[in-house]
Amino acid sequence: MGGKKMVNGNGQGMKQPSIRAAILDFGEVLCLQPDPEIMGQMAKVFGMAPERFLELYIPSRGPYDQGLIRSDEYWMGFARQAGVRANEELVERLRAMDLAMWSRMNAEMIDWTEALHTAGITTALLSNMQHDMAAHARKNFAWLRHFDYQILSCELQLIKPNAMIFERTIETVGVRPQEALFVDDREANVEAAKAVGMRAIQFTSVEQLRNALRKIPFGILPGKAAERN
């Protein structure tokens, strides 16, 4: 995990700082893509195709993930937008399905988190996550113990890609930005992390992440039981 040589403006070599902290997103990084079967069930509630449901679902999450509205307010508002009447019973069903949809873990990434933590790398979860999911995760996901810090949008009332949430994360983790590795599936979030000086990788698959980490280079790789170079 040694530093990588860079060149300064005078053409002299400088060593890039080693990575001391790994900061990981939750959705579609630590967990798999939303369960298509459950998504289909939720779309059916609103009488729409799953593709149309996703078109409404993704852009509507901001205030909910930011902790500005309650779950019942979010789902009532979503139902109104979809032209469906929602009562308390339906809202509870939707809340439960929403949690289940995001609860399929990426085992290789969970194993990697444990390997990082065990190796002494400071670990942080940085997620746009609403209060329902935060409570569910803390109750049911034992692997959260491998994170030194949990930095959640609903608790800070800030969401990625707002630069402030990355600045707060660096302050919390206690490293310099260039000593932090950030992994997220969304390009906008990765670019925002880079803009504050972090080293960031857009996640598409475990194999792609392995290849990107080799180029840094970084010695603890995901997959194959969190292989070490």
C-alpha atoms as a PDB file:
ATOM      1  CA  MET A   1       0.000   0.000   0.000  1.00  0.00           C
ATOM      2  CA  GLY A   2       2.963   2.259  -0.620  1.00  0.00           C
ATOM      3  CA  GLY A   3       2.569   5.667  -2.175  1.00  0.00           C
ATOM      4  CA  LYS A   4       2.719   6.188  -5.936  1.00  0.00           C
ATOM      5  CA  LYS A   5       5.268   8.575  -7.387  1.00  0.00           C
ATOM      6  CA  MET A   6       3.917  11.731  -8.987  1.00  0.00           C
ATOM      7  CA  VAL A   7       5.684  14.624 -10.715  1.00  0.00           C
ATOM      8  CA  ASN A   8       5.503  18.185  -9.421  1.00  0.00           C
ATOM      9  CA  GLY A   9       5.640  21.367 -11.503  1.00  0.00           C
ATOM     10  CA  ASN A  10       9.440  21.306 -11.500  1.00  0.00           C
ATOM     11  CA  GLY A  11       9.534  17.790 -12.890  1.00  0.00           C
ATOM     12  CA  GLN A  12      10.721  16.371  -9.558  1.00  0.00           C
ATOM     13  CA  GLY A  13       9.258  13.177  -8.169  1.00  0.00           C
ATOM     14  CA  MET A  14       6.908  13.309  -5.187  1.00  0.00           C
ATOM     15  CA  LYS A  15       5.344  10.398  -3.445  1.00  0.00           C
ATOM     16  CA  GLN A  16       1.546  10.318  -3.376  1.00  0.00           C
ATOM     17  CA  PRO A  17       0.326   9.667   0.183  1.00  0.00           C
ATOM     18  CA  SER A  18      -0.732   6.151   1.074  1.00  0.00           C
ATOM     19  CA  ILE A  19      -4.418   5.444   1.523  1.00  0.00           C
ATOM     20  CA  ARG A  20      -5.330   5.506   5.193  1.00  0.00           C
ATOM     21  CA  ALA A  21      -9.124   5.488   4.929  1.00  0.00           C
ATOM     22  CA  ALA A  22     -11.652   3.698   2.732  1.00  0.00           C
ATOM     23  CA  ILE A  23     -15.047   5.372   2.386  1.00  0.00           C
ATOM     24  CA  LEU A  24     -17.757   3.273   0.765  1.00  0.00           C
ATOM     25  CA  ASP A  25     -21.237   3.922  -0.576  1.00  0.00           C
ATOM     26  CA  PHE A  26     -24.069   1.538   0.319  1.00  0.00           C
ATOM     27  CA  GLY A  27     -26.536   1.313  -2.579  1.00  0.00           C
ATOM     28  CA  GLU A  28     -25.282  -0.833  -5.480  1.00  0.00           C
ATOM     29  CA  VAL A  29     -21.814  -1.026  -3.913  1.00  0.00           C
ATOM     30  CA  LEU A  30     -22.182  -2.863  -0.609  1.00  0.00           C
ATOM     31  CA  CYS A  31     -25.620  -4.049  -1.609  1.00  0.00           C
ATOM     32  CA  LEU A  32     -26.683  -5.406  -4.976  1.00  0.00           C
ATOM     33  CA  GLN A  33     -28.972  -3.631  -7.417  1.00  0.00           C
ATOM     34  CA  PRO A  34     -32.597  -3.346  -6.231  1.00  0.00           C
ATOM     35  CA  ASP A  35     -34.344  -6.716  -6.170  1.00  0.00           C
ATOM     36  CA  PRO A  36     -36.257  -6.779  -9.498  1.00  0.00           C
ATOM     37  CA  GLU A  37     -39.039  -8.981  -8.110  1.00  0.00           C
ATOM     38  CA  ILE A  38     -39.771  -6.600  -5.253  1.00  0.00           C
ATOM     39  CA  MET A  39     -39.495  -3.610  -7.549  1.00  0.00           C
ATOM     40  CA  GLY A  40     -42.080  -5.259  -9.794  1.00  0.00           C
ATOM     41  CA  GLN A  41     -44.405  -5.684  -6.826  1.00  0.00           C
ATOM     42  CA  MET A  42     -44.036  -2.028  -5.876  1.00  0.00           C
ATOM     43  CA  ALA A  43     -44.627  -0.914  -9.458  1.00  0.00           C
ATOM     44  CA  LYS A  44     -47.766  -3.058  -9.563  1.00  0.00           C
ATOM     45  CA  VAL A  45     -49.147  -1.203  -6.535  1.00  0.00           C
ATOM     46  CA  PHE A  46     -49.048   1.966  -8.621  1.00  0.00           C
ATOM     47  CA  GLY A  47     -50.281   0.313 -11.807  1.00  0.00           C
ATOM     48  CA  MET A  48     -47.130   1.039 -13.758  1.00  0.00           C
ATOM     49  CA  ALA A  49     -44.261  -0.800 -15.417  1.00  0.00           C
ATOM     50  CA  PRO A  50     -41.100  -1.259 -13.309  1.00  0.00           C
ATOM     51  CA  GLU A  51     -39.199   1.051 -15.675  1.00  0.00           C
ATOM     52  CA  ARG A  52     -41.721   3.849 -15.110  1.00  0.00           C
ATOM     53  CA  PHE A  53     -41.678   3.238 -11.356  1.00  0.00           C
ATOM     54  CA  LEU A  54     -37.888   3.617 -11.328  1.00  0.00           C
ATOM     55  CA  GLU A  55     -38.119   6.839 -13.347  1.00  0.00           C
ATOM     56  CA  LEU A  56     -40.268   8.361 -10.607  1.00  0.00           C
ATOM     57  CA  TYR A  57     -38.567   6.668  -7.656  1.00  0.00           C
ATOM     58  CA  ILE A  58     -34.927   7.675  -8.158  1.00  0.00           C
ATOM     59  CA  PRO A  59     -35.324  11.468  -8.630  1.00  0.00           C
ATOM     60  CA  SER A  60     -37.926  11.730  -5.862  1.00  0.00           C
ATOM     61  CA  ARG A  61     -35.649  10.406  -3.099  1.00  0.00           C
ATOM     62  CA  GLY A  62     -33.624  13.550  -2.333  1.00  0.00           C
ATOM     63  CA  PRO A  63     -35.689  15.106   0.496  1.00  0.00           C
ATOM     64  CA  TYR A  64     -36.412  11.635   1.936  1.00  0.00           C
ATOM     65  CA  ASP A  65     -32.739  10.599   1.982  1.00  0.00           C
ATOM     66  CA  GLN A  66     -31.834  14.014   3.359  1.00  0.00           C
ATOM     67  CA  GLY A  67     -34.084  13.451   6.366  1.00  0.00           C
ATOM     68  CA  LEU A  68     -36.350  16.375   5.526  1.00  0.00           C
ATOM     69  CA  ILE A  69     -39.560  14.332   5.272  1.00  0.00           C
ATOM     70  CA  ARG A  70     -40.904  11.259   7.062  1.00  0.00           C
ATOM     71  CA  SER A  71     -41.502   7.927   5.354  1.00  0.00           C
ATOM     72  CA  ASP A  72     -45.283   8.346   5.415  1.00  0.00           C
ATOM     73  CA  GLU A  73     -44.933  11.793   3.807  1.00  0.00           C
ATOM     74  CA  TYR A  74     -42.669  10.392   1.115  1.00  0.00           C
ATOM     75  CA  TRP A  75     -44.932   7.482   0.165  1.00  0.00           C
ATOM     76  CA  MET A  76     -48.124   9.541   0.338  1.00  0.00           C
ATOM     77  CA  GLY A  77     -46.492  12.078  -1.961  1.00  0.00           C
ATOM     78  CA  PHE A  78     -45.266   9.374  -4.313  1.00  0.00           C
ATOM     79  CA  ALA A  79     -48.769   7.894  -4.474  1.00  0.00           C
ATOM     80  CA  ARG A  80     -50.276  11.292  -5.293  1.00  0.00           C
ATOM     81  CA  GLN A  81     -47.741  11.760  -8.071  1.00  0.00           C
ATOM     82  CA  ALA A  82     -48.674   8.333  -9.448  1.00  0.00           C
ATOM     83  CA  GLY A  83     -52.407   9.059  -9.158  1.00  0.00           C
ATOM     84  CA  VAL A  84     -53.020   6.364  -6.538  1.00  0.00           C
ATOM     85  CA  ARG A  85     -54.818   6.687  -3.207  1.00  0.00           C
ATOM     86  CA  ALA A  86     -52.656   5.562  -0.319  1.00  0.00           C
ATOM     87  CA  ASN A  87     -53.761   4.747   3.217  1.00  0.00           C
ATOM     88  CA  GLU A  88     -51.709   3.875   6.300  1.00  0.00           C
ATOM     89  CA  GLU A  89     -51.764   0.147   5.542  1.00  0.00           C
ATOM     90  CA  LEU A  90     -50.440   0.668   2.019  1.00  0.00           C
ATOM     91  CA  VAL A  91     -47.711   2.994   3.269  1.00  0.00           C
ATOM     92  CA  GLU A  92     -46.522   0.331   5.727  1.00  0.00           C
ATOM     93  CA  ARG A  93     -46.423  -2.255   2.923  1.00  0.00           C
ATOM     94  CA  LEU A  94     -44.390   0.078   0.746  1.00  0.00           C
ATOM     95  CA  ARG A  95     -41.967   0.852   3.559  1.00  0.00           C
ATOM     96  CA  ALA A  96     -41.375  -2.872   4.144  1.00  0.00           C
ATOM     97  CA  MET A  97     -40.888  -3.585   0.431  1.00  0.00           C
ATOM     98  CA  ASP A  98     -38.525  -0.655   0.086  1.00  0.00           C
ATOM     99  CA  LEU A  99     -36.297  -1.995   2.873  1.00  0.00           C
ATOM    100  CA  ALA A 100     -36.335  -5.514   1.440  1.00  0.00           C
ATOM    101  CA  MET A 101     -35.473  -4.219  -2.029  1.00  0.00           C
ATOM    102  CA  TRP A 102     -32.149  -2.836  -0.753  1.00  0.00           C
ATOM    103  CA  SER A 103     -31.235  -5.733   1.559  1.00  0.00           C
ATOM    104  CA  ARG A 104     -29.395  -8.077  -0.792  1.00  0.00           C
ATOM    105  CA  MET A 105     -25.735  -7.733   0.115  1.00  0.00           C
ATOM    106  CA  ASN A 106     -22.713  -7.968  -2.165  1.00  0.00           C
ATOM    107  CA  ALA A 107     -20.804 -10.625  -0.208  1.00  0.00           C
ATOM    108  CA  GLU A 108     -17.458  -9.876  -1.859  1.00  0.00           C
ATOM    109  CA  MET A 109     -17.674  -6.208  -0.934  1.00  0.00           C
ATOM    110  CA  ILE A 110     -18.705  -7.017   2.633  1.00  0.00           C
ATOM    111  CA  ASP A 111     -15.697  -9.352   2.911  1.00  0.00           C
ATOM    112  CA  TRP A 112     -13.466  -6.589   1.533  1.00  0.00           C
ATOM    113  CA  THR A 113     -14.720  -4.164   4.167  1.00  0.00           C
ATOM    114  CA  GLU A 114     -13.821  -6.659   6.883  1.00  0.00           C
ATOM    115  CA  ALA A 115     -10.350  -7.152   5.367  1.00  0.00           C
ATOM    116  CA  LEU A 116      -9.764  -3.391   5.243  1.00  0.00           C
ATOM    117  CA  HIS A 117     -10.856  -2.944   8.845  1.00  0.00           C
ATOM    118  CA  THR A 118      -8.749  -5.867  10.028  1.00  0.00           C
ATOM    119  CA  ALA A 119      -5.711  -4.440   8.221  1.00  0.00           C
ATOM    120  CA  GLY A 120      -6.031  -1.169  10.138  1.00  0.00           C
ATOM    121  CA  ILE A 121      -7.471   0.951   7.332  1.00  0.00           C
ATOM    122  CA  THR A 122     -10.006   3.423   8.738  1.00  0.00           C
ATOM    123  CA  THR A 123     -13.395   2.544   7.265  1.00  0.00           C
ATOM    124  CA  ALA A 124     -16.453   4.728   6.785  1.00  0.00           C
ATOM    125  CA  LEU A 125     -19.886   4.199   5.277  1.00  0.00           C
ATOM    126  CA  LEU A 126     -21.024   7.300   3.382  1.00  0.00           C
ATOM    127  CA  SER A 127     -24.548   6.846   2.092  1.00  0.00           C
ATOM    128  CA  ASN A 128     -27.584   8.774   0.943  1.00  0.00           C
ATOM    129  CA  MET A 129     -29.841   6.803   3.261  1.00  0.00           C
ATOM    130  CA  GLN A 130     -33.191   7.625   4.825  1.00  0.00           C
ATOM    131  CA  HIS A 131     -34.067   7.001   8.474  1.00  0.00           C
ATOM    132  CA  ASP A 132     -36.062   3.806   7.836  1.00  0.00           C
ATOM    133  CA  MET A 133     -33.153   2.143   6.075  1.00  0.00           C
ATOM    134  CA  ALA A 134     -30.642   3.392   8.647  1.00  0.00           C
ATOM    135  CA  ALA A 135     -32.631   1.828  11.485  1.00  0.00           C
ATOM    136  CA  HIS A 136     -33.130  -1.394   9.506  1.00  0.00           C
ATOM    137  CA  ALA A 137     -29.423  -1.650   8.681  1.00  0.00           C
ATOM    138  CA  ARG A 138     -28.289  -1.067  12.253  1.00  0.00           C
ATOM    139  CA  LYS A 139     -30.683  -3.705  13.514  1.00  0.00           C
ATOM    140  CA  ASN A 140     -30.026  -6.376  10.880  1.00  0.00           C
ATOM    141  CA  PHE A 141     -26.601  -5.900   9.250  1.00  0.00           C
ATOM    142  CA  ALA A 142     -23.966  -7.288  11.617  1.00  0.00           C
ATOM    143  CA  TRP A 143     -21.227  -6.355   9.121  1.00  0.00           C
ATOM    144  CA  LEU A 144     -21.646  -2.680  10.046  1.00  0.00           C
ATOM    145  CA  ARG A 145     -19.250  -3.396  12.918  1.00  0.00           C
ATOM    146  CA  HIS A 146     -16.471  -3.343  10.317  1.00  0.00           C
ATOM    147  CA  PHE A 147     -17.068   0.380   9.780  1.00  0.00           C
ATOM    148  CA  ASP A 148     -15.396   2.838  12.122  1.00  0.00           C
ATOM    149  CA  TYR A 149     -17.840   5.548  11.039  1.00  0.00           C
ATOM    150  CA  GLN A 150     -21.357   5.650   9.612  1.00  0.00           C
ATOM    151  CA  ILE A 151     -22.012   8.936   7.832  1.00  0.00           C
ATOM    152  CA  LEU A 152     -25.606   9.077   6.656  1.00  0.00           C
ATOM    153  CA  SER A 153     -27.385  11.796   4.718  1.00  0.00           C
ATOM    154  CA  CYS A 154     -30.536  11.638   6.848  1.00  0.00           C
ATOM    155  CA  GLU A 155     -28.546  12.408  10.000  1.00  0.00           C
ATOM    156  CA  LEU A 156     -26.474  15.237   8.523  1.00  0.00           C
ATOM    157  CA  GLN A 157     -29.333  16.559   6.363  1.00  0.00           C
ATOM    158  CA  LEU A 158     -26.840  16.684   3.522  1.00  0.00           C
ATOM    159  CA  ILE A 159     -26.809  14.456   0.457  1.00  0.00           C
ATOM    160  CA  LYS A 160     -24.216  13.478  -2.105  1.00  0.00           C
ATOM    161  CA  PRO A 161     -22.996  15.041  -4.351  1.00  0.00           C
ATOM    162  CA  ASN A 162     -23.064  18.165  -2.138  1.00  0.00           C
ATOM    163  CA  ALA A 163     -19.410  19.003  -1.426  1.00  0.00           C
ATOM    164  CA  MET A 164     -20.224  19.669   2.239  1.00  0.00           C
ATOM    165  CA  ILE A 165     -20.972  16.007   2.962  1.00  0.00           C
ATOM    166  CA  PHE A 166     -17.551  15.009   1.634  1.00  0.00           C
ATOM    167  CA  GLU A 167     -15.852  17.746   3.651  1.00  0.00           C
ATOM    168  CA  ARG A 168     -17.680  16.589   6.793  1.00  0.00           C
ATOM    169  CA  THR A 169     -16.661  13.011   6.053  1.00  0.00           C
ATOM    170  CA  ILE A 170     -12.973  13.890   5.750  1.00  0.00           C
ATOM    171  CA  GLU A 171     -13.185  15.866   8.990  1.00  0.00           C
ATOM    172  CA  THR A 172     -14.884  12.933  10.752  1.00  0.00           C
ATOM    173  CA  VAL A 173     -12.494  10.289   9.455  1.00  0.00           C
ATOM    174  CA  GLY A 174      -9.469  12.407  10.341  1.00  0.00           C
ATOM    175  CA  VAL A 175      -7.269  11.998   7.278  1.00  0.00           C
ATOM    176  CA  ARG A 176      -6.183  14.321   4.506  1.00  0.00           C
ATOM    177  CA  PRO A 177      -8.418  14.132   1.412  1.00  0.00           C
ATOM    178  CA  GLN A 178      -5.677  12.542  -0.702  1.00  0.00           C
ATOM    179  CA  GLU A 179      -5.310   9.778   1.911  1.00  0.00           C
ATOM    180  CA  ALA A 180      -8.961   8.764   1.480  1.00  0.00           C
ATOM    181  CA  LEU A 181     -10.292   6.308  -1.083  1.00  0.00           C
ATOM    182  CA  PHE A 182     -13.969   6.758  -1.986  1.00  0.00           C
ATOM    183  CA  VAL A 183     -16.010   4.136  -3.867  1.00  0.00           C
ATOM    184  CA  ASP A 184     -19.472   4.949  -5.234  1.00  0.00           C
ATOM    185  CA  ASP A 185     -21.574   3.743  -8.162  1.00  0.00           C
ATOM    186  CA  ARG A 186     -22.662   7.220  -9.305  1.00  0.00           C
ATOM    187  CA  GLU A 187     -20.425   9.368 -11.474  1.00  0.00           C
ATOM    188  CA  ALA A 188     -21.663  12.656  -9.969  1.00  0.00           C
ATOM    189  CA  ASN A 189     -20.687  11.501  -6.471  1.00  0.00           C
ATOM    190  CA  VAL A 190     -17.275  10.300  -7.613  1.00  0.00           C
ATOM    191  CA  GLU A 191     -16.552  13.604  -9.352  1.00  0.00           C
ATOM    192  CA  ALA A 192     -17.658  15.560  -6.272  1.00  0.00           C
ATOM    193  CA  ALA A 193     -15.299  13.512  -4.095  1.00  0.00           C
ATOM    194  CA  LYS A 194     -12.428  14.161  -6.490  1.00  0.00           C
ATOM    195  CA  ALA A 195     -13.225  17.879  -6.418  1.00  0.00           C
ATOM    196  CA  VAL A 196     -12.478  18.004  -2.668  1.00  0.00           C
ATOM    197  CA  GLY A 197      -9.218  16.103  -3.183  1.00  0.00           C
ATOM    198  CA  MET A 198     -10.252  12.508  -2.461  1.00  0.00           C
ATOM    199  CA  ARG A 199      -9.138   9.561  -4.562  1.00  0.00           C
ATOM    200  CA  ALA A 200     -12.349   8.146  -5.949  1.00  0.00           C
ATOM    201  CA  ILE A 201     -13.424   5.181  -8.071  1.00  0.00           C
ATOM    202  CA  GLN A 202     -16.790   4.705  -9.756  1.00  0.00           C
ATOM    203  CA  PHE A 203     -17.943   1.166  -8.959  1.00  0.00           C
ATOM    204  CA  THR A 204     -19.477  -1.026 -11.644  1.00  0.00           C
ATOM    205  CA  SER A 205     -18.345  -4.484 -10.537  1.00  0.00           C
ATOM    206  CA  VAL A 206     -15.968  -6.188  -8.126  1.00  0.00           C
ATOM    207  CA  GLU A 207     -13.612  -7.118 -10.966  1.00  0.00           C
ATOM    208  CA  GLN A 208     -13.556  -3.548 -12.281  1.00  0.00           C
ATOM    209  CA  LEU A 209     -12.789  -2.267  -8.763  1.00  0.00           C
ATOM    210  CA  ARG A 210      -9.958  -4.790  -8.385  1.00  0.00           C
ATOM    211  CA  ASN A 211      -8.390  -3.564 -11.609  1.00  0.00           C
ATOM    212  CA  ALA A 212      -8.733   0.091 -10.585  1.00  0.00           C
ATOM    213  CA  LEU A 213      -7.142  -0.581  -7.188  1.00  0.00           C
ATOM    214  CA  ARG A 214      -4.175  -2.360  -8.790  1.00  0.00           C
ATOM    215  CA  LYS A 215      -3.427   0.825 -10.728  1.00  0.00           C
ATOM    216  CA  ILE A 216      -3.187   3.000  -7.577  1.00  0.00           C
ATOM    217  CA  PRO A 217      -1.602   0.607  -6.378  1.00  0.00           C
ATOM    218  CA  PHE A 218      -3.514  -0.595  -3.314  1.00  0.00           C
ATOM    219  CA  GLY A 219      -2.679  -3.917  -1.741  1.00  0.00           C
ATOM    220  CA  ILE A 220      -6.003  -5.156  -0.349  1.00  0.00           C
ATOM    221  CA  LEU A 221      -8.281  -6.227  -3.175  1.00  0.00           C
ATOM    222  CA  PRO A 222     -11.952  -7.267  -3.103  1.00  0.00           C
ATOM    223  CA  GLY A 223     -13.006 -10.696  -4.277  1.00  0.00           C
ATOM    224  CA  LYS A 224     -11.362 -14.075  -3.780  1.00  0.00           C
ATOM    225  CA  ALA A 225     -11.682 -13.677  -0.014  1.00  0.00           C
ATOM    226  CA  ALA A 226     -10.349 -10.100  -0.090  1.00  0.00           C
ATOM    227  CA  GLU A 227      -7.056 -10.995  -1.727  1.00  0.00           C
ATOM    228  CA  ARG A 228      -3.902  -9.151  -0.771  1.00  0.00           C
ATOM    229  CA  ASN A 229      -1.157  -8.419  -3.287  1.00  0.00           C
END
